[in-house]
C-alpha atoms as a PDB file:
ATOM      1  CA  MET A   1    -124.364  53.617  46.145  1.00  0.00           C
ATOM      2  CA  THR A   2    -121.027  52.411  44.844  1.00  0.00           C
ATOM      3  CA  ASP A   3    -118.768  49.941  46.587  1.00  0.00           C
ATOM      4  CA  GLN A   4    -116.094  52.614  46.869  1.00  0.00           C
ATOM      5  CA  PRO A   5    -116.284  54.711  50.053  1.00  0.00           C
ATOM      6  CA  LEU A   6    -116.887  58.398  49.545  1.00  0.00           C
ATOM      7  CA  ILE A   7    -114.045  60.788  50.257  1.00  0.00           C
ATOM      8  CA  LEU A   8    -114.600  62.624  53.547  1.00  0.00           C
ATOM      9  CA  HIS A   9    -113.073  65.824  52.269  1.00  0.00           C
ATOM     10  CA  SER A  10    -112.466  67.487  48.967  1.00  0.00           C
ATOM     11  CA  PRO A  11    -108.985  68.319  47.784  1.00  0.00           C
ATOM     12  CA  ARG A  12    -107.806  71.544  49.354  1.00  0.00           C
ATOM     13  CA  LYS A  13    -108.648  74.634  47.409  1.00  0.00           C
ATOM     14  CA  GLU A  14    -107.433  78.122  47.875  1.00  0.00           C
ATOM     15  CA  PRO A  15    -109.656  80.039  50.276  1.00  0.00           C
ATOM     16  CA  ALA A  16    -112.185  82.292  48.606  1.00  0.00           C
ATOM     17  CA  ALA A  17    -111.773  86.042  48.902  1.00  0.00           C
ATOM     18  CA  TYR A  18    -112.344  87.411  52.394  1.00  0.00           C
ATOM     19  CA  LYS A  19    -116.028  87.563  53.262  1.00  0.00           C
ATOM     20  CA  LEU A  20    -117.624  89.739  55.882  1.00  0.00           C
ATOM     21  CA  PRO A  21    -120.006  87.922  58.207  1.00  0.00           C
ATOM     22  CA  TRP A  22    -123.696  88.786  57.881  1.00  0.00           C
ATOM     23  CA  CYS A  23    -123.103  90.638  54.628  1.00  0.00           C
ATOM     24  CA  ARG A  24    -125.438  88.482  52.541  1.00  0.00           C
ATOM     25  CA  LYS A  25    -129.184  88.231  52.678  1.00  0.00           C
ATOM     26  CA  TYR A  26    -130.717  84.793  52.891  1.00  0.00           C
ATOM     27  CA  SER A  27    -130.759  82.925  49.606  1.00  0.00           C
ATOM     28  CA  GLU A  28    -132.748  79.737  49.226  1.00  0.00           C
ATOM     29  CA  THR A  29    -130.583  78.749  46.257  1.00  0.00           C
ATOM     30  CA  VAL A  30    -127.373  79.105  48.272  1.00  0.00           C
ATOM     31  CA  ALA A  31    -128.959  77.307  51.240  1.00  0.00           C
ATOM     32  CA  ASP A  32    -129.931  74.372  48.991  1.00  0.00           C
ATOM     33  CA  ARG A  33    -126.433  74.260  47.525  1.00  0.00           C
ATOM     34  CA  ILE A  34    -124.904  74.202  51.021  1.00  0.00           C
ATOM     35  CA  CYS A  35    -127.135  71.232  51.907  1.00  0.00           C
ATOM     36  CA  GLU A  36    -126.046  69.403  48.730  1.00  0.00           C
ATOM     37  CA  GLU A  37    -122.395  69.959  49.616  1.00  0.00           C
ATOM     38  CA  VAL A  38    -122.993  68.632  53.147  1.00  0.00           C
ATOM     39  CA  ILE A  39    -124.630  65.508  51.702  1.00  0.00           C
ATOM     40  CA  ASN A  40    -121.553  65.085  49.487  1.00  0.00           C
ATOM     41  CA  GLY A  41    -119.341  64.963  52.573  1.00  0.00           C
ATOM     42  CA  ARG A  42    -118.091  68.506  52.979  1.00  0.00           C
ATOM     43  CA  VAL A  43    -118.185  70.355  56.267  1.00  0.00           C
ATOM     44  CA  LEU A  44    -119.763  73.772  56.555  1.00  0.00           C
ATOM     45  CA  ASN A  45    -116.608  75.702  57.434  1.00  0.00           C
ATOM     46  CA  ARG A  46    -114.755  74.270  54.419  1.00  0.00           C
ATOM     47  CA  ILE A  47    -117.644  75.121  52.105  1.00  0.00           C
ATOM     48  CA  CYS A  48    -117.734  78.688  53.389  1.00  0.00           C
ATOM     49  CA  ILE A  49    -113.967  79.144  53.132  1.00  0.00           C
ATOM     50  CA  GLU A  50    -113.392  77.497  49.756  1.00  0.00           C
ATOM     51  CA  GLU A  51    -116.433  78.393  47.693  1.00  0.00           C
ATOM     52  CA  PRO A  52    -116.812  81.906  46.292  1.00  0.00           C
ATOM     53  CA  TRP A  53    -120.614  81.536  46.139  1.00  0.00           C
ATOM     54  CA  ALA A  54    -120.873  80.589  49.840  1.00  0.00           C
ATOM     55  CA  PRO A  55    -121.323  83.263  52.500  1.00  0.00           C
ATOM     56  CA  HIS A  56    -119.235  83.506  55.661  1.00  0.00           C
ATOM     57  CA  SER A  57    -119.915  80.655  58.115  1.00  0.00           C
ATOM     58  CA  LEU A  58    -121.312  83.100  60.698  1.00  0.00           C
ATOM     59  CA  THR A  59    -123.864  84.203  58.117  1.00  0.00           C
ATOM     60  CA  VAL A  60    -124.898  80.590  57.552  1.00  0.00           C
ATOM     61  CA  HIS A  61    -125.256  80.052  61.305  1.00  0.00           C
ATOM     62  CA  MET A  62    -127.504  83.122  61.476  1.00  0.00           C
ATOM     63  CA  TRP A  63    -129.562  81.707  58.599  1.00  0.00           C
ATOM     64  CA  LEU A  64    -129.921  78.441  60.531  1.00  0.00           C
ATOM     65  CA  LYS A  65    -131.293  80.352  63.530  1.00  0.00           C
ATOM     66  CA  GLU A  66    -133.587  82.618  61.536  1.00  0.00           C
ATOM     67  CA  HIS A  67    -134.956  80.243  58.863  1.00  0.00           C
ATOM     68  CA  PRO A  68    -136.570  77.047  60.198  1.00  0.00           C
ATOM     69  CA  GLU A  69    -136.952  75.598  56.690  1.00  0.00           C
ATOM     70  CA  PHE A  70    -133.187  75.888  56.112  1.00  0.00           C
ATOM     71  CA  ARG A  71    -132.428  74.466  59.572  1.00  0.00           C
ATOM     72  CA  GLU A  72    -134.659  71.465  58.812  1.00  0.00           C
ATOM     73  CA  ALA A  73    -133.078  70.918  55.375  1.00  0.00           C
ATOM     74  CA  TYR A  74    -129.595  71.232  56.874  1.00  0.00           C
ATOM     75  CA  ASP A  75    -130.432  68.696  59.612  1.00  0.00           C
ATOM     76  CA  ILE A  76    -131.767  66.289  56.986  1.00  0.00           C
ATOM     77  CA  ALA A  77    -128.584  66.747  54.931  1.00  0.00           C
ATOM     78  CA  ARG A  78    -126.474  65.962  58.003  1.00  0.00           C
ATOM     79  CA  ARG A  79    -128.526  62.826  58.742  1.00  0.00           C
ATOM     80  CA  ILE A  80    -128.182  61.661  55.132  1.00  0.00           C
ATOM     81  CA  ARG A  81    -124.421  62.199  55.309  1.00  0.00           C
ATOM     82  CA  ALA A  82    -124.283  60.266  58.592  1.00  0.00           C
ATOM     83  CA  ASP A  83    -126.173  57.376  56.972  1.00  0.00           C
ATOM     84  CA  GLN A  84    -123.687  57.427  54.101  1.00  0.00           C
ATOM     85  CA  ALA A  85    -120.793  57.334  56.579  1.00  0.00           C
ATOM     86  CA  ALA A  86    -122.401  54.315  58.276  1.00  0.00           C
ATOM     87  CA  GLN A  87    -122.656  52.560  54.904  1.00  0.00           C
ATOM     88  CA  GLU A  88    -119.009  53.393  54.229  1.00  0.00           C
ATOM     89  CA  ILE A  89    -118.087  51.766  57.557  1.00  0.00           C
ATOM     90  CA  ILE A  90    -119.823  48.569  56.482  1.00  0.00           C
ATOM     91  CA  ASN A  91    -118.099  48.665  53.087  1.00  0.00           C
ATOM     92  CA  LEU A  92    -114.698  49.215  54.690  1.00  0.00           C
ATOM     93  CA  ALA A  93    -115.234  46.395  57.170  1.00  0.00           C
ATOM     94  CA  ASP A  94    -116.277  44.077  54.331  1.00  0.00           C
ATOM     95  CA  THR A  95    -113.069  44.826  52.416  1.00  0.00           C
ATOM     96  CA  ALA A  96    -110.784  44.126  55.377  1.00  0.00           C
ATOM     97  CA  ILE A  97    -108.466  41.174  54.877  1.00  0.00           C
ATOM     98  CA  ASP A  98    -106.489  39.725  57.786  1.00  0.00           C
ATOM     99  CA  GLY A  99    -103.201  41.534  58.095  1.00  0.00           C
ATOM    100  CA  VAL A 100    -103.604  43.669  54.959  1.00  0.00           C
ATOM    101  CA  ASN A 101    -104.089  47.386  55.638  1.00  0.00           C
ATOM    102  CA  THR A 102    -106.048  46.629  58.810  1.00  0.00           C
ATOM    103  CA  GLU A 103    -104.640  49.660  60.652  1.00  0.00           C
ATOM    104  CA  SER A 104    -105.513  51.914  57.751  1.00  0.00           C
ATOM    105  CA  ILE A 105    -109.028  50.511  57.602  1.00  0.00           C
ATOM    106  CA  LYS A 106    -109.440  50.897  61.380  1.00  0.00           C
ATOM    107  CA  ILE A 107    -108.495  54.576  61.094  1.00  0.00           C
ATOM    108  CA  GLN A 108    -110.953  55.088  58.237  1.00  0.00           C
ATOM    109  CA  ILE A 109    -113.725  53.326  60.157  1.00  0.00           C
ATOM    110  CA  HIS A 110    -113.002  55.344  63.298  1.00  0.00           C
ATOM    111  CA  ALA A 111    -113.134  58.623  61.346  1.00  0.00           C
ATOM    112  CA  ARG A 112    -116.474  57.709  59.813  1.00  0.00           C
ATOM    113  CA  GLN A 113    -117.879  56.591  63.164  1.00  0.00           C
ATOM    114  CA  TRP A 114    -116.895  59.936  64.651  1.00  0.00           C
ATOM    115  CA  LEU A 115    -118.403  61.806  61.699  1.00  0.00           C
ATOM    116  CA  ALA A 116    -121.677  59.879  61.834  1.00  0.00           C
ATOM    117  CA  GLY A 117    -121.905  60.451  65.598  1.00  0.00           C
ATOM    118  CA  LYS A 118    -121.424  64.200  65.196  1.00  0.00           C
ATOM    119  CA  MET A 119    -123.746  64.600  62.223  1.00  0.00           C
ATOM    120  CA  ASN A 120    -126.533  62.442  63.632  1.00  0.00           C
ATOM    121  CA  PRO A 121    -125.998  61.926  67.367  1.00  0.00           C
ATOM    122  CA  ARG A 122    -129.501  60.555  67.866  1.00  0.00           C
ATOM    123  CA  ASP A 123    -128.817  57.483  65.700  1.00  0.00           C
ATOM    124  CA  TYR A 124    -125.016  57.170  65.724  1.00  0.00           C
ATOM    125  CA  GLY A 125    -123.837  58.998  68.845  1.00  0.00           C
ATOM    126  CA  ASP A 126    -122.067  57.308  71.728  1.00  0.00           C
ATOM    127  CA  ARG A 127    -124.552  58.539  74.304  1.00  0.00           C
ATOM    128  CA  LYS A 128    -128.162  57.508  74.102  1.00  0.00           C
ATOM    129  CA  ILE A 129    -130.703  59.952  75.451  1.00  0.00           C
ATOM    130  CA  VAL A 130    -133.623  58.342  77.234  1.00  0.00           C
ATOM    131  CA  ASP A 131    -136.777  60.358  77.610  1.00  0.00           C
ATOM    132  CA  ALA A 132    -139.031  58.832  80.221  1.00  0.00           C
ATOM    133  CA  ASN A 133    -142.037  60.207  82.020  1.00  0.00           C
ATOM    134  CA  ILE A 134    -142.758  58.342  85.211  1.00  0.00           C
ATOM    135  CA  HIS A 135    -145.999  58.812  87.081  1.00  0.00           C
ATOM    136  CA  ALA A 136    -146.283  57.233  90.497  1.00  0.00           C
ATOM    137  CA  GLN A 137    -148.880  57.386  93.187  1.00  0.00           C
ATOM    138  CA  VAL A 138    -147.609  56.678  96.676  1.00  0.00           C
ATOM    139  CA  THR A 139    -149.993  55.651  99.396  1.00  0.00           C
ATOM    140  CA  THR A 140    -148.832  55.295 102.965  1.00  0.00           C
ATOM    141  CA  THR A 141    -150.722  53.447 105.649  1.00  0.00           C
ATOM    142  CA  ASN A 142    -150.185  53.766 109.345  1.00  0.00           C
ATOM    143  CA  GLN A 143    -151.604  51.243 111.749  1.00  0.00           C
ATOM    144  CA  ILE A 144    -152.909  52.512 115.045  1.00  0.00           C
ATOM    145  CA  ASP A 145    -153.549  50.217 117.963  1.00  0.00           C
ATOM    146  CA  VAL A 146    -157.024  51.103 119.226  1.00  0.00           C
ATOM    147  CA  SER A 147    -157.530  48.052 121.419  1.00  0.00           C
ATOM    148  CA  HIS A 148    -157.152  50.110 124.590  1.00  0.00           C
ATOM    149  CA  LEU A 149    -159.731  52.781 123.499  1.00  0.00           C
ATOM    150  CA  THR A 150    -163.393  52.806 124.321  1.00  0.00           C
ATOM    151  CA  ILE A 151    -166.015  52.720 121.567  1.00  0.00           C
ATOM    152  CA  ASP A 152    -166.723  56.450 122.018  1.00  0.00           C
ATOM    153  CA  GLU A 153    -163.010  57.274 121.741  1.00  0.00           C
ATOM    154  CA  ILE A 154    -162.707  55.169 118.568  1.00  0.00           C
ATOM    155  CA  HIS A 155    -165.713  56.964 117.001  1.00  0.00           C
ATOM    156  CA  ALA A 156    -164.228  60.344 117.945  1.00  0.00           C
ATOM    157  CA  ALA A 157    -160.881  59.368 116.359  1.00  0.00           C
ATOM    158  CA  GLU A 158    -162.696  58.153 113.248  1.00  0.00           C
ATOM    159  CA  ARG A 159    -164.602  61.474 112.914  1.00  0.00           C
ATOM    160  CA  ALA A 160    -161.356  63.422 113.345  1.00  0.00           C
ATOM    161  CA  LEU A 161    -159.627  61.317 110.664  1.00  0.00           C
ATOM    162  CA  MET A 162    -162.525  61.762 108.238  1.00  0.00           C
ATOM    163  CA  LYS A 163    -162.468  65.527 108.752  1.00  0.00           C
ATOM    164  CA  THR A 164    -158.696  65.535 108.215  1.00  0.00           C
ATOM    165  CA  ILE A 165    -159.072  63.592 104.971  1.00  0.00           C
ATOM    166  CA  GLU A 166    -161.812  65.966 103.795  1.00  0.00           C
ATOM    167  CA  GLY A 167    -159.664  68.949 104.767  1.00  0.00           C
ATOM    168  CA  THR A 168    -162.164  70.368 107.235  1.00  0.00           C
ATOM    169  CA  TYR A 169    -160.479  69.391 110.494  1.00  0.00           C
ATOM    170  CA  THR A 170    -159.403  72.085 112.947  1.00  0.00           C
ATOM    171  CA  GLU A 171    -158.057  71.891 116.467  1.00  0.00           C
ATOM    172  CA  GLU A 172    -161.379  73.144 117.847  1.00  0.00           C
ATOM    173  CA  ASP A 173    -163.176  70.106 116.354  1.00  0.00           C
ATOM    174  CA  ASP A 174    -161.142  67.962 118.726  1.00  0.00           C
ATOM    175  CA  SER A 175    -163.362  68.987 121.656  1.00  0.00           C
ATOM    176  CA  ASP A 176    -166.258  66.675 120.566  1.00  0.00           C
END
């Protein structure tokens, strides 16, 4: 990687001829080329508008839904571009000199931070998603004062509790 930061956008080109959405069948070659352009810093809508070989952006979004291999390649391309933006941030920060173009550098850093966060929110996004599975077992204990009961009453209460725990207790069992 060079010390010079990559340009976030290409020079404006004239829009390609009007394209109808969903008019092109899936092309692995075109899909690969789109991923290369994303890695080089271009956004999907610009690619689709400016390049005559690129289909309409709605077509590309349909391809992303219908072709898992393209969706995976596109996600990888976006993560690579986010990593490049992060490296550009470091390079820009390293070139900052007190009082010289600091506002300009801050704007460039902010733009790259935003881009990295959008292209790879898991690693560079503002909000961290925490996935936690918590398993807890709660046991409650009640204390019963049996000091005023007779031995027979205590044994009867114990049998009733055991039947309740085992799930076999009914009101009729209470007549013991």
